Each structure stands twice: as C-alpha cells, then as structure tokens.
C-alpha cells in the first residue's frame, strides 16, 4: 500500500515540476523582453502583433469563425518591414445591395483607400502610426459605380448595389 501512495506522489510531483519549468521559462522570457525594452532594443510598441478571432452564429444557424490581425503569417519581427493589421469585417447581403462594415480604430477618414472591382473589395490604410489592409471576396458581382462609403467613430460602412446577373442567351436553330 505504501508503494501505491509513493507512485501517486511521484506522478503529482512530476506534473508540478513540469509547470514549474514552464513558468521559469516564461519568467526568463519576460525578464529578457523587459531588459531589451529598457535598453531600447525593442520597438516603440507601434508594431504590436495581434491574432484575433471573431465567432458568431449566422442567419443560417451555423457558427462562423473569422480570423484577423497580423500574426497569422508567423514572420519573425526582425523580418517584418511594415506590419499591417487585417481589420475585422462583416459582409452583409441584402436583396439588392451588399454592405461591408470594417473596424478601423484611430484612423482619419482621408487616410482610407477603398477600391472595388467585379466581386472584390480592397481596403487599406497606410500612415506612420496605423496600417490596415484587407482584400475581400464579395458574395456576388457589384456595380462598381454604385459604391459609397461612410466613416464614423472608427467604423467604415461601404454599400454597393448588386450587379444583375448577365443572362446568356443562345439562339437554337430547330431542324
């Protein structure tokens, strides 16, 4: 019986020793980062990396997951030239329109570039402090001359008319 108790104690000790090792490694990394920051070896914080996920249930009752941020590509910080965040976006289909809502916090209206072509929408912001970029495939073709955009309180809303599907007619000769 003493042997069984000793075995359980060893397993628990092994489990906690693993935690202890991981916490020590984490503490050493944090100490190193603080040291680098104090010595001016780390960036000013404007190059913040993020990997974010938005999860919601759509009108179809199915869950949807959207990844955004700039950390998905896992490129080392030293190799990044101009970090660009991928903003959170929602694409809303309506009967005769498509609306796209984009979160662009801290951006001036004049710094936002929007372009549309066929069934694609490109949104970008490139300033000294903020860099956002998103290439969105729309659920349908759009009338590019109908694109309108409104920006207020960090939220960009873009509305576009759906393009009527071109009907292809083929003349058939009856023999």
C-alpha atoms as a PDB file:
ATOM      1  CA  UNK A   1       0.000   0.000   0.000  1.00  0.00           C
ATOM      2  CA  UNK A   2       2.845   2.360   0.718  1.00  0.00           C
ATOM      3  CA  UNK A   3       4.111   1.664  -2.775  1.00  0.00           C
ATOM      4  CA  UNK A   4       0.849   2.926  -4.392  1.00  0.00           C
ATOM      5  CA  UNK A   5       0.899   6.131  -2.339  1.00  0.00           C
ATOM      6  CA  UNK A   6       4.501   6.749  -3.325  1.00  0.00           C
ATOM      7  CA  UNK A   7       3.646   6.257  -7.025  1.00  0.00           C
ATOM      8  CA  UNK A   8       0.816   8.855  -6.864  1.00  0.00           C
ATOM      9  CA  UNK A   9       3.050  11.307  -5.077  1.00  0.00           C
ATOM     10  CA  UNK A  10       5.735  10.887  -7.758  1.00  0.00           C
ATOM     11  CA  UNK A  11       3.177  11.491 -10.547  1.00  0.00           C
ATOM     12  CA  UNK A  12       1.941  14.677  -8.876  1.00  0.00           C
ATOM     13  CA  UNK A  13       5.498  15.861  -8.269  1.00  0.00           C
ATOM     14  CA  UNK A  14       6.310  15.219 -11.944  1.00  0.00           C
ATOM     15  CA  UNK A  15       3.218  17.180 -13.032  1.00  0.00           C
ATOM     16  CA  UNK A  16       4.038  20.200 -10.875  1.00  0.00           C
ATOM     17  CA  UNK A  17       7.723  20.110 -11.770  1.00  0.00           C
ATOM     18  CA  UNK A  18       6.670  20.468 -15.432  1.00  0.00           C
ATOM     19  CA  UNK A  19       4.586  23.536 -14.507  1.00  0.00           C
ATOM     20  CA  UNK A  20       7.493  24.937 -12.535  1.00  0.00           C
ATOM     21  CA  UNK A  21       9.820  24.532 -15.522  1.00  0.00           C
ATOM     22  CA  UNK A  22       7.355  26.205 -17.881  1.00  0.00           C
ATOM     23  CA  UNK A  23       6.803  29.127 -15.506  1.00  0.00           C
ATOM     24  CA  UNK A  24      10.549  29.585 -15.097  1.00  0.00           C
ATOM     25  CA  UNK A  25      10.994  29.652 -18.891  1.00  0.00           C
ATOM     26  CA  UNK A  26       8.164  32.158 -19.226  1.00  0.00           C
ATOM     27  CA  UNK A  27       9.601  34.346 -16.466  1.00  0.00           C
ATOM     28  CA  UNK A  28      13.046  34.266 -18.130  1.00  0.00           C
ATOM     29  CA  UNK A  29      11.487  35.352 -21.468  1.00  0.00           C
ATOM     30  CA  UNK A  30       9.580  38.203 -19.805  1.00  0.00           C
ATOM     31  CA  UNK A  31      12.730  39.322 -17.964  1.00  0.00           C
ATOM     32  CA  UNK A  32      14.624  39.271 -21.266  1.00  0.00           C
ATOM     33  CA  UNK A  33      11.922  41.330 -23.009  1.00  0.00           C
ATOM     34  CA  UNK A  34      11.921  43.904 -20.203  1.00  0.00           C
ATOM     35  CA  UNK A  35      15.713  44.113 -20.385  1.00  0.00           C
ATOM     36  CA  UNK A  36      15.572  44.638 -24.162  1.00  0.00           C
ATOM     37  CA  UNK A  37      12.862  47.265 -23.819  1.00  0.00           C
ATOM     38  CA  UNK A  38      14.843  49.192 -21.196  1.00  0.00           C
ATOM     39  CA  UNK A  39      17.934  49.090 -23.427  1.00  0.00           C
ATOM     40  CA  UNK A  40      15.964  50.352 -26.439  1.00  0.00           C
ATOM     41  CA  UNK A  41      16.319  47.083 -28.344  1.00  0.00           C
ATOM     42  CA  UNK A  42      12.577  46.551 -28.770  1.00  0.00           C
ATOM     43  CA  UNK A  43      10.266  48.683 -30.926  1.00  0.00           C
ATOM     44  CA  UNK A  44       8.187  51.525 -29.561  1.00  0.00           C
ATOM     45  CA  UNK A  45       5.063  49.398 -29.336  1.00  0.00           C
ATOM     46  CA  UNK A  46       3.608  50.662 -32.612  1.00  0.00           C
ATOM     47  CA  UNK A  47       4.480  47.299 -34.145  1.00  0.00           C
ATOM     48  CA  UNK A  48       2.056  45.444 -31.924  1.00  0.00           C
ATOM     49  CA  UNK A  49       1.229  41.988 -33.185  1.00  0.00           C
ATOM     50  CA  UNK A  50      -2.215  40.537 -32.888  1.00  0.00           C
ATOM     51  CA  UNK A  51      -4.007  37.351 -33.771  1.00  0.00           C
ATOM     52  CA  UNK A  52      -7.705  37.684 -33.184  1.00  0.00           C
ATOM     53  CA  UNK A  53     -10.775  35.626 -33.865  1.00  0.00           C
ATOM     54  CA  UNK A  54     -14.403  36.645 -34.165  1.00  0.00           C
ATOM     55  CA  UNK A  55     -17.029  33.925 -33.715  1.00  0.00           C
ATOM     56  CA  UNK A  56     -20.747  34.366 -34.414  1.00  0.00           C
ATOM     57  CA  UNK A  57     -23.831  32.434 -35.455  1.00  0.00           C
ATOM     58  CA  UNK A  58     -25.104  33.486 -38.859  1.00  0.00           C
ATOM     59  CA  UNK A  59     -28.707  33.741 -40.050  1.00  0.00           C
ATOM     60  CA  UNK A  60     -28.309  30.207 -41.394  1.00  0.00           C
ATOM     61  CA  UNK A  61     -27.886  28.997 -37.791  1.00  0.00           C
ATOM     62  CA  UNK A  62     -24.307  27.866 -38.409  1.00  0.00           C
ATOM     63  CA  UNK A  63     -21.306  29.143 -36.472  1.00  0.00           C
ATOM     64  CA  UNK A  64     -18.804  31.261 -38.387  1.00  0.00           C
ATOM     65  CA  UNK A  65     -15.200  31.967 -37.447  1.00  0.00           C
ATOM     66  CA  UNK A  66     -13.215  34.861 -38.885  1.00  0.00           C
ATOM     67  CA  UNK A  67      -9.516  35.293 -38.217  1.00  0.00           C
ATOM     68  CA  UNK A  68      -7.974  38.736 -38.375  1.00  0.00           C
ATOM     69  CA  UNK A  69      -4.878  40.538 -37.213  1.00  0.00           C
ATOM     70  CA  UNK A  70      -1.293  40.467 -38.440  1.00  0.00           C
ATOM     71  CA  UNK A  71       0.138  37.456 -36.625  1.00  0.00           C
ATOM     72  CA  UNK A  72      -1.211  34.642 -38.829  1.00  0.00           C
ATOM     73  CA  UNK A  73       1.807  34.597 -41.105  1.00  0.00           C
ATOM     74  CA  UNK A  74       4.211  33.975 -38.203  1.00  0.00           C
ATOM     75  CA  UNK A  75       7.012  36.055 -39.750  1.00  0.00           C
ATOM     76  CA  UNK A  76       9.695  36.958 -37.191  1.00  0.00           C
ATOM     77  CA  UNK A  77       9.558  40.614 -36.072  1.00  0.00           C
ATOM     78  CA  UNK A  78      13.060  41.274 -37.412  1.00  0.00           C
ATOM     79  CA  UNK A  79      11.913  40.350 -40.945  1.00  0.00           C
ATOM     80  CA  UNK A  80       8.769  42.496 -40.980  1.00  0.00           C
ATOM     81  CA  UNK A  81       9.058  45.803 -42.757  1.00  0.00           C
ATOM     82  CA  UNK A  82       5.720  47.458 -42.268  1.00  0.00           C
ATOM     83  CA  UNK A  83       3.325  45.465 -40.122  1.00  0.00           C
ATOM     84  CA  UNK A  84      -0.223  45.684 -41.378  1.00  0.00           C
ATOM     85  CA  UNK A  85      -3.270  44.603 -39.417  1.00  0.00           C
ATOM     86  CA  UNK A  86      -6.190  42.876 -41.026  1.00  0.00           C
ATOM     87  CA  UNK A  87      -9.288  44.656 -39.708  1.00  0.00           C
ATOM     88  CA  UNK A  88     -12.419  42.890 -38.516  1.00  0.00           C
ATOM     89  CA  UNK A  89     -15.043  42.941 -41.259  1.00  0.00           C
ATOM     90  CA  UNK A  90     -18.648  41.903 -41.742  1.00  0.00           C
ATOM     91  CA  UNK A  91     -20.220  41.333 -45.146  1.00  0.00           C
ATOM     92  CA  UNK A  92     -23.998  41.694 -45.142  1.00  0.00           C
ATOM     93  CA  UNK A  93     -26.035  40.549 -48.129  1.00  0.00           C
ATOM     94  CA  UNK A  94     -29.329  42.262 -48.800  1.00  0.00           C
ATOM     95  CA  UNK A  95     -31.838  41.796 -51.595  1.00  0.00           C
ATOM     96  CA  UNK A  96     -30.356  44.382 -53.952  1.00  0.00           C
ATOM     97  CA  UNK A  97     -27.264  45.560 -52.021  1.00  0.00           C
ATOM     98  CA  UNK A  98     -24.144  44.307 -50.306  1.00  0.00           C
ATOM     99  CA  UNK A  99     -22.852  46.135 -47.250  1.00  0.00           C
ATOM    100  CA  UNK A 100     -19.390  45.742 -45.762  1.00  0.00           C
ATOM    101  CA  UNK A 101     -18.628  47.016 -42.266  1.00  0.00           C
ATOM    102  CA  UNK A 102     -14.970  47.414 -41.290  1.00  0.00           C
ATOM    103  CA  UNK A 103     -13.459  48.373 -37.937  1.00  0.00           C
ATOM    104  CA  UNK A 104     -10.624  50.896 -38.404  1.00  0.00           C
ATOM    105  CA  UNK A 105      -9.989  52.433 -34.971  1.00  0.00           C
ATOM    106  CA  UNK A 106      -7.860  55.566 -34.710  1.00  0.00           C
ATOM    107  CA  UNK A 107      -7.794  56.248 -38.448  1.00  0.00           C
ATOM    108  CA  UNK A 108      -8.518  59.543 -40.195  1.00  0.00           C
ATOM    109  CA  UNK A 109     -11.144  59.465 -42.949  1.00  0.00           C
ATOM    110  CA  UNK A 110      -8.687  60.899 -45.505  1.00  0.00           C
ATOM    111  CA  UNK A 111      -6.238  58.004 -44.950  1.00  0.00           C
ATOM    112  CA  UNK A 112      -8.701  55.286 -46.007  1.00  0.00           C
ATOM    113  CA  UNK A 113      -8.384  53.840 -49.531  1.00  0.00           C
ATOM    114  CA  UNK A 114     -11.275  51.800 -50.933  1.00  0.00           C
ATOM    115  CA  UNK A 115     -11.393  50.222 -54.376  1.00  0.00           C
ATOM    116  CA  UNK A 116     -13.898  47.796 -55.862  1.00  0.00           C
ATOM    117  CA  UNK A 117     -13.739  45.579 -58.904  1.00  0.00           C
ATOM    118  CA  UNK A 118     -16.209  42.960 -60.091  1.00  0.00           C
ATOM    119  CA  UNK A 119     -16.684  40.842 -56.923  1.00  0.00           C
ATOM    120  CA  UNK A 120     -13.715  42.145 -54.900  1.00  0.00           C
ATOM    121  CA  UNK A 121     -13.255  44.968 -52.429  1.00  0.00           C
ATOM    122  CA  UNK A 122      -9.870  46.312 -51.308  1.00  0.00           C
ATOM    123  CA  UNK A 123      -9.477  48.417 -48.186  1.00  0.00           C
ATOM    124  CA  UNK A 124      -6.188  49.859 -46.994  1.00  0.00           C
ATOM    125  CA  UNK A 125      -4.785  52.433 -44.599  1.00  0.00           C
ATOM    126  CA  UNK A 126      -1.089  53.261 -44.618  1.00  0.00           C
ATOM    127  CA  UNK A 127       0.060  56.000 -42.253  1.00  0.00           C
ATOM    128  CA  UNK A 128       3.023  56.284 -39.912  1.00  0.00           C
ATOM    129  CA  UNK A 129       1.025  55.028 -36.929  1.00  0.00           C
ATOM    130  CA  UNK A 130      -1.657  52.799 -38.456  1.00  0.00           C
ATOM    131  CA  UNK A 131      -1.516  50.199 -41.190  1.00  0.00           C
ATOM    132  CA  UNK A 132      -4.591  48.161 -42.147  1.00  0.00           C
ATOM    133  CA  UNK A 133      -5.173  46.027 -45.220  1.00  0.00           C
ATOM    134  CA  UNK A 134      -7.993  43.729 -46.322  1.00  0.00           C
ATOM    135  CA  UNK A 135      -8.847  42.073 -49.655  1.00  0.00           C
ATOM    136  CA  UNK A 136     -12.461  40.852 -49.526  1.00  0.00           C
ATOM    137  CA  UNK A 137     -14.171  38.494 -51.929  1.00  0.00           C
ATOM    138  CA  UNK A 138     -17.793  39.604 -52.131  1.00  0.00           C
ATOM    139  CA  UNK A 139     -20.677  37.101 -52.370  1.00  0.00           C
ATOM    140  CA  UNK A 140     -21.752  38.487 -55.754  1.00  0.00           C
ATOM    141  CA  UNK A 141     -20.746  40.836 -58.543  1.00  0.00           C
ATOM    142  CA  UNK A 142     -21.354  44.507 -57.849  1.00  0.00           C
ATOM    143  CA  UNK A 143     -21.899  47.723 -59.786  1.00  0.00           C
ATOM    144  CA  UNK A 144     -18.606  49.488 -59.161  1.00  0.00           C
ATOM    145  CA  UNK A 145     -20.108  52.912 -59.903  1.00  0.00           C
ATOM    146  CA  UNK A 146     -22.589  52.443 -57.032  1.00  0.00           C
ATOM    147  CA  UNK A 147     -20.006  52.096 -54.239  1.00  0.00           C
ATOM    148  CA  UNK A 148     -20.487  54.570 -51.395  1.00  0.00           C
ATOM    149  CA  UNK A 149     -18.590  54.737 -48.113  1.00  0.00           C
ATOM    150  CA  UNK A 150     -19.259  56.376 -44.750  1.00  0.00           C
ATOM    151  CA  UNK A 151     -16.755  56.536 -41.880  1.00  0.00           C
ATOM    152  CA  UNK A 152     -17.725  57.443 -38.320  1.00  0.00           C
ATOM    153  CA  UNK A 153     -16.246  56.623 -34.895  1.00  0.00           C
ATOM    154  CA  UNK A 154     -13.735  54.105 -36.253  1.00  0.00           C
ATOM    155  CA  UNK A 155     -16.290  52.159 -38.294  1.00  0.00           C
ATOM    156  CA  UNK A 156     -16.285  52.203 -42.096  1.00  0.00           C
ATOM    157  CA  UNK A 157     -19.523  51.203 -43.800  1.00  0.00           C
ATOM    158  CA  UNK A 158     -19.461  50.527 -47.537  1.00  0.00           C
ATOM    159  CA  UNK A 159     -22.643  49.963 -49.553  1.00  0.00           C
ATOM    160  CA  UNK A 160     -22.767  48.605 -53.108  1.00  0.00           C
ATOM    161  CA  UNK A 161     -25.557  47.667 -55.480  1.00  0.00           C
ATOM    162  CA  UNK A 162     -25.630  44.099 -56.696  1.00  0.00           C
ATOM    163  CA  UNK A 163     -24.950  43.687 -60.384  1.00  0.00           C
ATOM    164  CA  UNK A 164     -27.771  41.948 -62.169  1.00  0.00           C
ATOM    165  CA  UNK A 165     -26.598  38.582 -63.379  1.00  0.00           C
ATOM    166  CA  UNK A 166     -25.959  38.620 -67.084  1.00  0.00           C
ATOM    167  CA  UNK A 167     -28.267  36.297 -68.854  1.00  0.00           C
ATOM    168  CA  UNK A 168     -26.604  34.326 -71.534  1.00  0.00           C
ATOM    169  CA  UNK A 169     -28.878  33.585 -74.381  1.00  0.00           C
ATOM    170  CA  UNK A 170     -28.099  31.135 -77.031  1.00  0.00           C
ATOM    171  CA  UNK A 171     -30.107  31.015 -80.187  1.00  0.00           C
ATOM    172  CA  UNK A 172     -31.025  27.483 -81.096  1.00  0.00           C
ATOM    173  CA  UNK A 173     -31.871  26.520 -84.624  1.00  0.00           C
ATOM    174  CA  UNK A 174     -34.646  23.993 -84.875  1.00  0.00           C
ATOM    175  CA  UNK A 175     -34.127  21.434 -87.590  1.00  0.00           C
END
